């Protein structure tokens, strides 16, 4: 779901997941990928889901990057029932999670 431009209030959200069993990468990626179809009431500028290529030991298995037009849309996403359900359905397969949210400078 794309909307708006990357203004001064834009926020990038990155989350990386390490799974206990690599056999679950496809299942987790498919579950999170459904969020990319859009969440009612939440707008974002870009949504990118990637899985690790396996080129280095110890890497995380799944990475999700979403750029929101503002903090309010990130906060709406974080508490939205569809996001919460995805987190809960995958939590038993995740052994480690790393995440960051940061402001994006406006493009000149």
PDB file of N, CA and C in Angstrom:
ATOM      1  N   UNK A   1       0.854  -1.156   0.000  1.00  0.00           N
ATOM      2  CA  UNK A   1       0.000   0.000   0.000  1.00  0.00           C
ATOM      3  C   UNK A   1       0.900   1.218   0.000  1.00  0.00           C
ATOM      4  N   UNK A   2       0.915   1.967  -1.051  1.00  0.00           N
ATOM      5  CA  UNK A   2       1.773   3.139  -1.155  1.00  0.00           C
ATOM      6  C   UNK A   2       0.939   4.394  -0.987  1.00  0.00           C
ATOM      7  N   UNK A   3       1.524   5.384  -0.405  1.00  0.00           N
ATOM      8  CA  UNK A   3       0.827   6.641  -0.216  1.00  0.00           C
ATOM      9  C   UNK A   3       1.810   7.724   0.165  1.00  0.00           C
ATOM     10  N   UNK A   4       1.564   8.914  -0.325  1.00  0.00           N
ATOM     11  CA  UNK A   4       2.331  10.065   0.122  1.00  0.00           C
ATOM     12  C   UNK A   4       3.761  10.082  -0.350  1.00  0.00           C
ATOM     13  N   UNK A   5       4.471  11.112   0.084  1.00  0.00           N
ATOM     14  CA  UNK A   5       5.885  11.246  -0.250  1.00  0.00           C
ATOM     15  C   UNK A   5       6.704  11.088   1.017  1.00  0.00           C
ATOM     16  N   UNK A   6       7.995  10.911   0.844  1.00  0.00           N
ATOM     17  CA  UNK A   6       8.882  10.739   1.989  1.00  0.00           C
ATOM     18  C   UNK A   6       9.212  12.114   2.561  1.00  0.00           C
ATOM     19  N   UNK A   7       8.386  12.597   3.439  1.00  0.00           N
ATOM     20  CA  UNK A   7       8.593  13.907   4.023  1.00  0.00           C
ATOM     21  C   UNK A   7       9.468  13.852   5.253  1.00  0.00           C
ATOM     22  N   UNK A   8       9.559  15.003   5.937  1.00  0.00           N
ATOM     23  CA  UNK A   8      10.429  15.120   7.106  1.00  0.00           C
ATOM     24  C   UNK A   8      10.031  14.154   8.215  1.00  0.00           C
ATOM     25  N   UNK A   9       8.754  13.766   8.240  1.00  0.00           N
ATOM     26  CA  UNK A   9       8.300  12.880   9.295  1.00  0.00           C
ATOM     27  C   UNK A   9       8.367  11.411   8.957  1.00  0.00           C
ATOM     28  N   UNK A  10       8.954  11.059   7.804  1.00  0.00           N
ATOM     29  CA  UNK A  10       8.978   9.663   7.371  1.00  0.00           C
ATOM     30  C   UNK A  10       9.795   8.803   8.335  1.00  0.00           C
ATOM     31  N   UNK A  11       9.340   7.561   8.517  1.00  0.00           N
ATOM     32  CA  UNK A  11       9.971   6.624   9.444  1.00  0.00           C
ATOM     33  C   UNK A  11      10.270   5.321   8.710  1.00  0.00           C
ATOM     34  N   UNK A  12      11.479   4.825   8.890  1.00  0.00           N
ATOM     35  CA  UNK A  12      11.839   3.499   8.365  1.00  0.00           C
ATOM     36  C   UNK A  12      11.860   2.517   9.531  1.00  0.00           C
ATOM     37  N   UNK A  13      11.192   1.398   9.332  1.00  0.00           N
ATOM     38  CA  UNK A  13      11.117   0.316  10.323  1.00  0.00           C
ATOM     39  C   UNK A  13      11.813  -0.899   9.720  1.00  0.00           C
ATOM     40  N   UNK A  14      12.806  -1.418  10.414  1.00  0.00           N
ATOM     41  CA  UNK A  14      13.508  -2.622   9.974  1.00  0.00           C
ATOM     42  C   UNK A  14      13.443  -3.642  11.101  1.00  0.00           C
ATOM     43  N   UNK A  15      13.032  -4.843  10.765  1.00  0.00           N
ATOM     44  CA  UNK A  15      13.022  -5.935  11.745  1.00  0.00           C
ATOM     45  C   UNK A  15      13.695  -7.148  11.106  1.00  0.00           C
ATOM     46  N   UNK A  16      14.536  -7.820  11.891  1.00  0.00           N
ATOM     47  CA  UNK A  16      15.217  -9.030  11.428  1.00  0.00           C
ATOM     48  C   UNK A  16      14.904 -10.160  12.402  1.00  0.00           C
ATOM     49  N   UNK A  17      14.633 -11.326  11.844  1.00  0.00           N
ATOM     50  CA  UNK A  17      14.265 -12.483  12.649  1.00  0.00           C
ATOM     51  C   UNK A  17      15.221 -13.638  12.405  1.00  0.00           C
ATOM     52  N   UNK A  18      15.642 -14.273  13.482  1.00  0.00           N
ATOM     53  CA  UNK A  18      16.425 -15.512  13.402  1.00  0.00           C
ATOM     54  C   UNK A  18      15.496 -16.626  13.872  1.00  0.00           C
ATOM     55  N   UNK A  19      15.401 -17.656  13.055  1.00  0.00           N
ATOM     56  CA  UNK A  19      14.487 -18.748  13.355  1.00  0.00           C
ATOM     57  C   UNK A  19      15.229 -19.936  13.951  1.00  0.00           C
ATOM     58  N   UNK A  20      14.531 -20.689  14.783  1.00  0.00           N
ATOM     59  CA  UNK A  20      15.127 -21.874  15.378  1.00  0.00           C
ATOM     60  C   UNK A  20      15.349 -22.980  14.366  1.00  0.00           C
ATOM     61  N   UNK A  21      14.496 -23.023  13.351  1.00  0.00           N
ATOM     62  CA  UNK A  21      14.585 -24.051  12.314  1.00  0.00           C
ATOM     63  C   UNK A  21      14.485 -23.368  10.953  1.00  0.00           C
ATOM     64  N   UNK A  22      15.538 -23.453  10.172  1.00  0.00           N
ATOM     65  CA  UNK A  22      15.580 -22.804   8.850  1.00  0.00           C
ATOM     66  C   UNK A  22      14.464 -23.311   7.936  1.00  0.00           C
ATOM     67  N   UNK A  23      13.927 -24.486   8.222  1.00  0.00           N
ATOM     68  CA  UNK A  23      12.837 -25.031   7.415  1.00  0.00           C
ATOM     69  C   UNK A  23      11.584 -24.163   7.498  1.00  0.00           C
ATOM     70  N   UNK A  24      11.493 -23.287   8.504  1.00  0.00           N
ATOM     71  CA  UNK A  24      10.325 -22.425   8.683  1.00  0.00           C
ATOM     72  C   UNK A  24      10.454 -21.073   7.988  1.00  0.00           C
ATOM     73  N   UNK A  25      11.564 -20.810   7.316  1.00  0.00           N
ATOM     74  CA  UNK A  25      11.759 -19.506   6.668  1.00  0.00           C
ATOM     75  C   UNK A  25      10.623 -19.206   5.697  1.00  0.00           C
ATOM     76  N   UNK A  26      10.261 -20.150   4.859  1.00  0.00           N
ATOM     77  CA  UNK A  26       9.188 -19.926   3.890  1.00  0.00           C
ATOM     78  C   UNK A  26       7.861 -19.630   4.554  1.00  0.00           C
ATOM     79  N   UNK A  27       7.558 -20.347   5.623  1.00  0.00           N
ATOM     80  CA  UNK A  27       6.300 -20.146   6.349  1.00  0.00           C
ATOM     81  C   UNK A  27       6.242 -18.751   6.973  1.00  0.00           C
ATOM     82  N   UNK A  28       7.322 -18.340   7.629  1.00  0.00           N
ATOM     83  CA  UNK A  28       7.364 -17.019   8.261  1.00  0.00           C
ATOM     84  C   UNK A  28       7.311 -15.923   7.197  1.00  0.00           C
ATOM     85  N   UNK A  29       8.076 -16.078   6.129  1.00  0.00           N
ATOM     86  CA  UNK A  29       8.088 -15.075   5.062  1.00  0.00           C
ATOM     87  C   UNK A  29       6.707 -14.943   4.422  1.00  0.00           C
ATOM     88  N   UNK A  30       6.022 -16.053   4.208  1.00  0.00           N
ATOM     89  CA  UNK A  30       4.679 -16.001   3.625  1.00  0.00           C
ATOM     90  C   UNK A  30       3.706 -15.279   4.550  1.00  0.00           C
ATOM     91  N   UNK A  31       3.809 -15.551   5.835  1.00  0.00           N
ATOM     92  CA  UNK A  31       2.935 -14.907   6.815  1.00  0.00           C
ATOM     93  C   UNK A  31       3.151 -13.398   6.836  1.00  0.00           C
ATOM     94  N   UNK A  32       4.416 -12.985   6.901  1.00  0.00           N
ATOM     95  CA  UNK A  32       4.719 -11.550   6.924  1.00  0.00           C
ATOM     96  C   UNK A  32       4.415 -10.905   5.576  1.00  0.00           C
ATOM     97  N   UNK A  33       4.617 -11.641   4.500  1.00  0.00           N
ATOM     98  CA  UNK A  33       4.348 -11.108   3.173  1.00  0.00           C
ATOM     99  C   UNK A  33       2.897 -10.717   2.978  1.00  0.00           C
ATOM    100  N   UNK A  34       1.983 -11.407   3.654  1.00  0.00           N
ATOM    101  CA  UNK A  34       0.561 -11.065   3.566  1.00  0.00           C
ATOM    102  C   UNK A  34       0.301  -9.646   4.070  1.00  0.00           C
ATOM    103  N   UNK A  35       1.118  -9.185   5.015  1.00  0.00           N
ATOM    104  CA  UNK A  35       0.961  -7.812   5.507  1.00  0.00           C
ATOM    105  C   UNK A  35       1.195  -6.815   4.376  1.00  0.00           C
ATOM    106  N   UNK A  36       2.045  -7.184   3.419  1.00  0.00           N
ATOM    107  CA  UNK A  36       2.363  -6.305   2.301  1.00  0.00           C
ATOM    108  C   UNK A  36       1.188  -6.033   1.387  1.00  0.00           C
ATOM    109  N   UNK A  37       0.130  -6.838   1.503  1.00  0.00           N
ATOM    110  CA  UNK A  37      -1.073  -6.592   0.711  1.00  0.00           C
ATOM    111  C   UNK A  37      -1.817  -5.359   1.197  1.00  0.00           C
ATOM    112  N   UNK A  38      -1.443  -4.887   2.367  1.00  0.00           N
ATOM    113  CA  UNK A  38      -2.060  -3.689   2.924  1.00  0.00           C
ATOM    114  C   UNK A  38      -2.805  -3.984   4.208  1.00  0.00           C
ATOM    115  N   UNK A  39      -2.809  -3.003   5.075  1.00  0.00           N
ATOM    116  CA  UNK A  39      -3.520  -3.082   6.342  1.00  0.00           C
ATOM    117  C   UNK A  39      -4.480  -1.900   6.373  1.00  0.00           C
ATOM    118  N   UNK A  40      -5.771  -2.157   6.540  1.00  0.00           N
ATOM    119  CA  UNK A  40      -6.737  -1.061   6.543  1.00  0.00           C
ATOM    120  C   UNK A  40      -6.367   0.036   7.539  1.00  0.00           C
ATOM    121  N   UNK A  41      -6.361   1.265   7.070  1.00  0.00           N
ATOM    122  CA  UNK A  41      -6.071   2.407   7.918  1.00  0.00           C
ATOM    123  C   UNK A  41      -4.600   2.721   8.092  1.00  0.00           C
ATOM    124  N   UNK A  42      -3.712   1.926   7.489  1.00  0.00           N
ATOM    125  CA  UNK A  42      -2.272   2.153   7.609  1.00  0.00           C
ATOM    126  C   UNK A  42      -1.698   2.412   6.220  1.00  0.00           C
ATOM    127  N   UNK A  43      -0.906   3.468   6.115  1.00  0.00           N
ATOM    128  CA  UNK A  43      -0.271   3.811   4.840  1.00  0.00           C
ATOM    129  C   UNK A  43       1.237   3.656   4.959  1.00  0.00           C
ATOM    130  N   UNK A  44       1.868   3.206   3.887  1.00  0.00           N
ATOM    131  CA  UNK A  44       3.324   3.177   3.821  1.00  0.00           C
ATOM    132  C   UNK A  44       3.782   3.498   2.418  1.00  0.00           C
ATOM    133  N   UNK A  45       5.036   3.904   2.314  1.00  0.00           N
ATOM    134  CA  UNK A  45       5.628   4.260   1.029  1.00  0.00           C
ATOM    135  C   UNK A  45       6.277   3.063   0.355  1.00  0.00           C
ATOM    136  N   UNK A  46       6.829   2.146   1.145  1.00  0.00           N
ATOM    137  CA  UNK A  46       7.419   0.930   0.578  1.00  0.00           C
ATOM    138  C   UNK A  46       7.395  -0.187   1.612  1.00  0.00           C
ATOM    139  N   UNK A  47       7.364  -1.410   1.106  1.00  0.00           N
ATOM    140  CA  UNK A  47       7.309  -2.620   1.931  1.00  0.00           C
ATOM    141  C   UNK A  47       8.213  -3.633   1.259  1.00  0.00           C
ATOM    142  N   UNK A  48       9.230  -4.108   1.971  1.00  0.00           N
ATOM    143  CA  UNK A  48      10.192  -5.039   1.391  1.00  0.00           C
ATOM    144  C   UNK A  48      10.458  -6.183   2.362  1.00  0.00           C
ATOM    145  N   UNK A  49      10.273  -7.399   1.884  1.00  0.00           N
ATOM    146  CA  UNK A  49      10.509  -8.592   2.686  1.00  0.00           C
ATOM    147  C   UNK A  49      11.586  -9.413   1.994  1.00  0.00           C
ATOM    148  N   UNK A  50      12.626  -9.767   2.740  1.00  0.00           N
ATOM    149  CA  UNK A  50      13.739 -10.521   2.165  1.00  0.00           C
ATOM    150  C   UNK A  50      14.139 -11.664   3.076  1.00  0.00           C
ATOM    151  N   UNK A  51      14.699 -12.715   2.466  1.00  0.00           N
ATOM    152  CA  UNK A  51      15.270 -13.819   3.230  1.00  0.00           C
ATOM    153  C   UNK A  51      16.766 -13.877   2.948  1.00  0.00           C
ATOM    154  N   UNK A  52      17.511 -14.361   3.930  1.00  0.00           N
ATOM    155  CA  UNK A  52      18.970 -14.397   3.837  1.00  0.00           C
ATOM    156  C   UNK A  52      19.434 -15.346   2.735  1.00  0.00           C
ATOM    157  N   UNK A  53      20.497 -14.960   2.052  1.00  0.00           N
ATOM    158  CA  UNK A  53      21.072 -15.781   0.986  1.00  0.00           C
ATOM    159  C   UNK A  53      21.922 -16.930   1.518  1.00  0.00           C
ATOM    160  N   UNK A  54      22.257 -16.890   2.801  1.00  0.00           N
ATOM    161  CA  UNK A  54      23.059 -17.958   3.389  1.00  0.00           C
ATOM    162  C   UNK A  54      24.533 -17.864   3.055  1.00  0.00           C
ATOM    163  N   UNK A  55      25.007 -16.659   2.761  1.00  0.00           N
ATOM    164  CA  UNK A  55      26.406 -16.473   2.375  1.00  0.00           C
ATOM    165  C   UNK A  55      27.351 -16.398   3.565  1.00  0.00           C
ATOM    166  N   UNK A  56      26.815 -16.118   4.751  1.00  0.00           N
ATOM    167  CA  UNK A  56      27.653 -16.005   5.949  1.00  0.00           C
ATOM    168  C   UNK A  56      26.932 -16.661   7.124  1.00  0.00           C
ATOM    169  N   UNK A  57      27.695 -17.326   7.960  1.00  0.00           N
ATOM    170  CA  UNK A  57      27.147 -17.967   9.157  1.00  0.00           C
ATOM    171  C   UNK A  57      26.653 -16.912  10.145  1.00  0.00           C
ATOM    172  N   UNK A  58      25.609 -17.247  10.867  1.00  0.00           N
ATOM    173  CA  UNK A  58      25.138 -16.391  11.945  1.00  0.00           C
ATOM    174  C   UNK A  58      24.194 -15.279  11.534  1.00  0.00           C
ATOM    175  N   UNK A  59      23.906 -15.146  10.244  1.00  0.00           N
ATOM    176  CA  UNK A  59      22.990 -14.093   9.799  1.00  0.00           C
ATOM    177  C   UNK A  59      21.570 -14.364  10.281  1.00  0.00           C
ATOM    178  N   UNK A  60      20.777 -13.307  10.303  1.00  0.00           N
ATOM    179  CA  UNK A  60      19.353 -13.459  10.545  1.00  0.00           C
ATOM    180  C   UNK A  60      18.736 -14.093   9.306  1.00  0.00           C
ATOM    181  N   UNK A  61      17.547 -14.667   9.451  1.00  0.00           N
ATOM    182  CA  UNK A  61      16.922 -15.421   8.365  1.00  0.00           C
ATOM    183  C   UNK A  61      15.944 -14.607   7.527  1.00  0.00           C
ATOM    184  N   UNK A  62      15.232 -13.692   8.159  1.00  0.00           N
ATOM    185  CA  UNK A  62      14.191 -12.918   7.484  1.00  0.00           C
ATOM    186  C   UNK A  62      14.349 -11.457   7.878  1.00  0.00           C
ATOM    187  N   UNK A  63      14.204 -10.562   6.898  1.00  0.00           N
ATOM    188  CA  UNK A  63      14.262  -9.122   7.175  1.00  0.00           C
ATOM    189  C   UNK A  63      13.064  -8.443   6.526  1.00  0.00           C
ATOM    190  N   UNK A  64      12.459  -7.547   7.259  1.00  0.00           N
ATOM    191  CA  UNK A  64      11.321  -6.773   6.776  1.00  0.00           C
ATOM    192  C   UNK A  64      11.662  -5.300   6.928  1.00  0.00           C
ATOM    193  N   UNK A  65      11.502  -4.540   5.851  1.00  0.00           N
ATOM    194  CA  UNK A  65      11.745  -3.100   5.880  1.00  0.00           C
ATOM    195  C   UNK A  65      10.492  -2.401   5.373  1.00  0.00           C
ATOM    196  N   UNK A  66       9.971  -1.484   6.166  1.00  0.00           N
ATOM    197  CA  UNK A  66       8.798  -0.711   5.766  1.00  0.00           C
ATOM    198  C   UNK A  66       9.111   0.763   5.981  1.00  0.00           C
ATOM    199  N   UNK A  67       8.820   1.582   4.985  1.00  0.00           N
ATOM    200  CA  UNK A  67       8.964   3.030   5.114  1.00  0.00           C
ATOM    201  C   UNK A  67       7.568   3.639   5.210  1.00  0.00           C
ATOM    202  N   UNK A  68       7.310   4.257   6.347  1.00  0.00           N
ATOM    203  CA  UNK A  68       6.023   4.891   6.619  1.00  0.00           C
ATOM    204  C   UNK A  68       6.132   6.389   6.363  1.00  0.00           C
ATOM    205  N   UNK A  69       5.041   7.045   5.948  1.00  0.00           N
ATOM    206  CA  UNK A  69       5.101   8.483   5.719  1.00  0.00           C
ATOM    207  C   UNK A  69       5.275   9.293   7.005  1.00  0.00           C
ATOM    208  N   UNK A  70       4.920   8.686   8.145  1.00  0.00           N
ATOM    209  CA  UNK A  70       5.029   9.406   9.417  1.00  0.00           C
ATOM    210  C   UNK A  70       4.959   8.420  10.584  1.00  0.00           C
ATOM    211  N   UNK A  71       5.255   8.944  11.753  1.00  0.00           N
ATOM    212  CA  UNK A  71       5.262   8.142  12.979  1.00  0.00           C
ATOM    213  C   UNK A  71       3.879   7.572  13.284  1.00  0.00           C
ATOM    214  N   UNK A  72       2.841   8.324  12.994  1.00  0.00           N
ATOM    215  CA  UNK A  72       1.486   7.883  13.302  1.00  0.00           C
ATOM    216  C   UNK A  72       1.126   6.595  12.559  1.00  0.00           C
ATOM    217  N   UNK A  73       1.549   6.504  11.294  1.00  0.00           N
ATOM    218  CA  UNK A  73       1.264   5.284  10.537  1.00  0.00           C
ATOM    219  C   UNK A  73       2.065   4.102  11.069  1.00  0.00           C
ATOM    220  N   UNK A  74       3.309   4.338  11.501  1.00  0.00           N
ATOM    221  CA  UNK A  74       4.078   3.250  12.120  1.00  0.00           C
ATOM    222  C   UNK A  74       3.367   2.766  13.384  1.00  0.00           C
ATOM    223  N   UNK A  75       2.950   3.699  14.231  1.00  0.00           N
ATOM    224  CA  UNK A  75       2.299   3.321  15.487  1.00  0.00           C
ATOM    225  C   UNK A  75       0.988   2.585  15.229  1.00  0.00           C
ATOM    226  N   UNK A  76       0.235   3.005  14.204  1.00  0.00           N
ATOM    227  CA  UNK A  76      -1.005   2.310  13.841  1.00  0.00           C
ATOM    228  C   UNK A  76      -0.700   0.888  13.372  1.00  0.00           C
ATOM    229  N   UNK A  77       0.368   0.732  12.597  1.00  0.00           N
ATOM    230  CA  UNK A  77       0.798  -0.589  12.124  1.00  0.00           C
ATOM    231  C   UNK A  77       1.194  -1.481  13.300  1.00  0.00           C
ATOM    232  N   UNK A  78       1.983  -0.941  14.212  1.00  0.00           N
ATOM    233  CA  UNK A  78       2.519  -1.727  15.326  1.00  0.00           C
ATOM    234  C   UNK A  78       1.412  -2.339  16.183  1.00  0.00           C
ATOM    235  N   UNK A  79       0.309  -1.632  16.353  1.00  0.00           N
ATOM    236  CA  UNK A  79      -0.766  -2.141  17.213  1.00  0.00           C
ATOM    237  C   UNK A  79      -1.946  -2.728  16.435  1.00  0.00           C
ATOM    238  N   UNK A  80      -1.879  -2.685  15.097  1.00  0.00           N
ATOM    239  CA  UNK A  80      -2.996  -3.186  14.295  1.00  0.00           C
ATOM    240  C   UNK A  80      -3.175  -4.693  14.505  1.00  0.00           C
ATOM    241  N   UNK A  81      -4.418  -5.162  14.619  1.00  0.00           N
ATOM    242  CA  UNK A  81      -4.667  -6.585  14.865  1.00  0.00           C
ATOM    243  C   UNK A  81      -4.034  -7.526  13.828  1.00  0.00           C
ATOM    244  N   UNK A  82      -3.937  -7.125  12.564  1.00  0.00           N
ATOM    245  CA  UNK A  82      -3.323  -7.996  11.549  1.00  0.00           C
ATOM    246  C   UNK A  82      -1.822  -8.161  11.814  1.00  0.00           C
ATOM    247  N   UNK A  83      -1.157  -7.074  12.219  1.00  0.00           N
ATOM    248  CA  UNK A  83       0.269  -7.149  12.551  1.00  0.00           C
ATOM    249  C   UNK A  83       0.472  -7.971  13.821  1.00  0.00           C
ATOM    250  N   UNK A  84      -0.328  -7.690  14.829  1.00  0.00           N
ATOM    251  CA  UNK A  84      -0.218  -8.414  16.102  1.00  0.00           C
ATOM    252  C   UNK A  84      -0.439  -9.910  15.878  1.00  0.00           C
ATOM    253  N   UNK A  85      -1.406 -10.272  15.042  1.00  0.00           N
ATOM    254  CA  UNK A  85      -1.669 -11.685  14.751  1.00  0.00           C
ATOM    255  C   UNK A  85      -0.480 -12.334  14.048  1.00  0.00           C
ATOM    256  N   UNK A  86       0.157 -11.617  13.117  1.00  0.00           N
ATOM    257  CA  UNK A  86       1.334 -12.156  12.420  1.00  0.00           C
ATOM    258  C   UNK A  86       2.476 -12.382  13.404  1.00  0.00           C
ATOM    259  N   UNK A  87       2.679 -11.435  14.298  1.00  0.00           N
ATOM    260  CA  UNK A  87       3.734 -11.578  15.309  1.00  0.00           C
ATOM    261  C   UNK A  87       3.456 -12.799  16.180  1.00  0.00           C
ATOM    262  N   UNK A  88       2.232 -12.917  16.646  1.00  0.00           N
ATOM    263  CA  UNK A  88       1.882 -14.031  17.532  1.00  0.00           C
ATOM    264  C   UNK A  88       1.993 -15.381  16.827  1.00  0.00           C
ATOM    265  N   UNK A  89       1.577 -15.447  15.565  1.00  0.00           N
ATOM    266  CA  UNK A  89       1.606 -16.732  14.859  1.00  0.00           C
ATOM    267  C   UNK A  89       3.029 -17.190  14.552  1.00  0.00           C
ATOM    268  N   UNK A  90       3.969 -16.255  14.481  1.00  0.00           N
ATOM    269  CA  UNK A  90       5.358 -16.598  14.171  1.00  0.00           C
ATOM    270  C   UNK A  90       6.253 -16.689  15.404  1.00  0.00           C
ATOM    271  N   UNK A  91       5.785 -16.232  16.541  1.00  0.00           N
ATOM    272  CA  UNK A  91       6.656 -16.086  17.715  1.00  0.00           C
ATOM    273  C   UNK A  91       7.298 -17.398  18.165  1.00  0.00           C
ATOM    274  N   UNK A  92       6.609 -18.508  18.020  1.00  0.00           N
ATOM    275  CA  UNK A  92       7.181 -19.776  18.479  1.00  0.00           C
ATOM    276  C   UNK A  92       8.338 -20.238  17.595  1.00  0.00           C
ATOM    277  N   UNK A  93       8.449 -19.701  16.382  1.00  0.00           N
ATOM    278  CA  UNK A  93       9.522 -20.085  15.458  1.00  0.00           C
ATOM    279  C   UNK A  93      10.728 -19.154  15.545  1.00  0.00           C
ATOM    280  N   UNK A  94      10.556 -18.004  16.207  1.00  0.00           N
ATOM    281  CA  UNK A  94      11.597 -16.976  16.272  1.00  0.00           C
ATOM    282  C   UNK A  94      12.418 -17.149  17.544  1.00  0.00           C
ATOM    283  N   UNK A  95      13.740 -17.227  17.393  1.00  0.00           N
ATOM    284  CA  UNK A  95      14.612 -17.334  18.564  1.00  0.00           C
ATOM    285  C   UNK A  95      15.312 -16.011  18.870  1.00  0.00           C
ATOM    286  N   UNK A  96      15.351 -15.108  17.900  1.00  0.00           N
ATOM    287  CA  UNK A  96      15.981 -13.805  18.117  1.00  0.00           C
ATOM    288  C   UNK A  96      15.356 -12.791  17.172  1.00  0.00           C
ATOM    289  N   UNK A  97      15.167 -11.574  17.686  1.00  0.00           N
ATOM    290  CA  UNK A  97      14.583 -10.487  16.910  1.00  0.00           C
ATOM    291  C   UNK A  97      15.410  -9.242  17.143  1.00  0.00           C
ATOM    292  N   UNK A  98      15.680  -8.513  16.065  1.00  0.00           N
ATOM    293  CA  UNK A  98      16.332  -7.205  16.165  1.00  0.00           C
ATOM    294  C   UNK A  98      15.500  -6.228  15.354  1.00  0.00           C
ATOM    295  N   UNK A  99      15.285  -5.033  15.891  1.00  0.00           N
ATOM    296  CA  UNK A  99      14.474  -4.048  15.180  1.00  0.00           C
ATOM    297  C   UNK A  99      14.978  -2.645  15.468  1.00  0.00           C
ATOM    298  N   UNK A 100      14.672  -1.752  14.534  1.00  0.00           N
ATOM    299  CA  UNK A 100      14.992  -0.341  14.693  1.00  0.00           C
ATOM    300  C   UNK A 100      13.981   0.472  13.892  1.00  0.00           C
ATOM    301  N   UNK A 101      13.641   1.640  14.416  1.00  0.00           N
ATOM    302  CA  UNK A 101      12.843   2.610  13.689  1.00  0.00           C
ATOM    303  C   UNK A 101      13.632   3.910  13.717  1.00  0.00           C
ATOM    304  N   UNK A 102      13.721   4.573  12.568  1.00  0.00           N
ATOM    305  CA  UNK A 102      14.444   5.841  12.543  1.00  0.00           C
ATOM    306  C   UNK A 102      13.828   6.785  11.526  1.00  0.00           C
ATOM    307  N   UNK A 103      14.072   8.084  11.742  1.00  0.00           N
ATOM    308  CA  UNK A 103      13.557   9.119  10.848  1.00  0.00           C
ATOM    309  C   UNK A 103      14.377   9.170   9.580  1.00  0.00           C
ATOM    310  N   UNK A 104      13.703   9.453   8.482  1.00  0.00           N
ATOM    311  CA  UNK A 104      14.371   9.619   7.195  1.00  0.00           C
ATOM    312  C   UNK A 104      14.430  11.097   6.858  1.00  0.00           C
ATOM    313  N   UNK A 105      15.580  11.547   6.406  1.00  0.00           N
ATOM    314  CA  UNK A 105      15.716  12.942   5.985  1.00  0.00           C
ATOM    315  C   UNK A 105      14.918  13.135   4.704  1.00  0.00           C
ATOM    316  N   UNK A 106      14.297  14.287   4.543  1.00  0.00           N
ATOM    317  CA  UNK A 106      13.553  14.528   3.300  1.00  0.00           C
ATOM    318  C   UNK A 106      14.493  14.537   2.102  1.00  0.00           C
ATOM    319  N   UNK A 107      13.978  14.029   0.986  1.00  0.00           N
ATOM    320  CA  UNK A 107      14.760  14.051  -0.250  1.00  0.00           C
ATOM    321  C   UNK A 107      14.650  15.428  -0.868  1.00  0.00           C
ATOM    322  N   UNK A 108      15.793  15.981  -1.227  1.00  0.00           N
ATOM    323  CA  UNK A 108      15.802  17.316  -1.824  1.00  0.00           C
ATOM    324  C   UNK A 108      15.796  17.234  -3.318  1.00  0.00           C
TER     325      UNK A 108
END
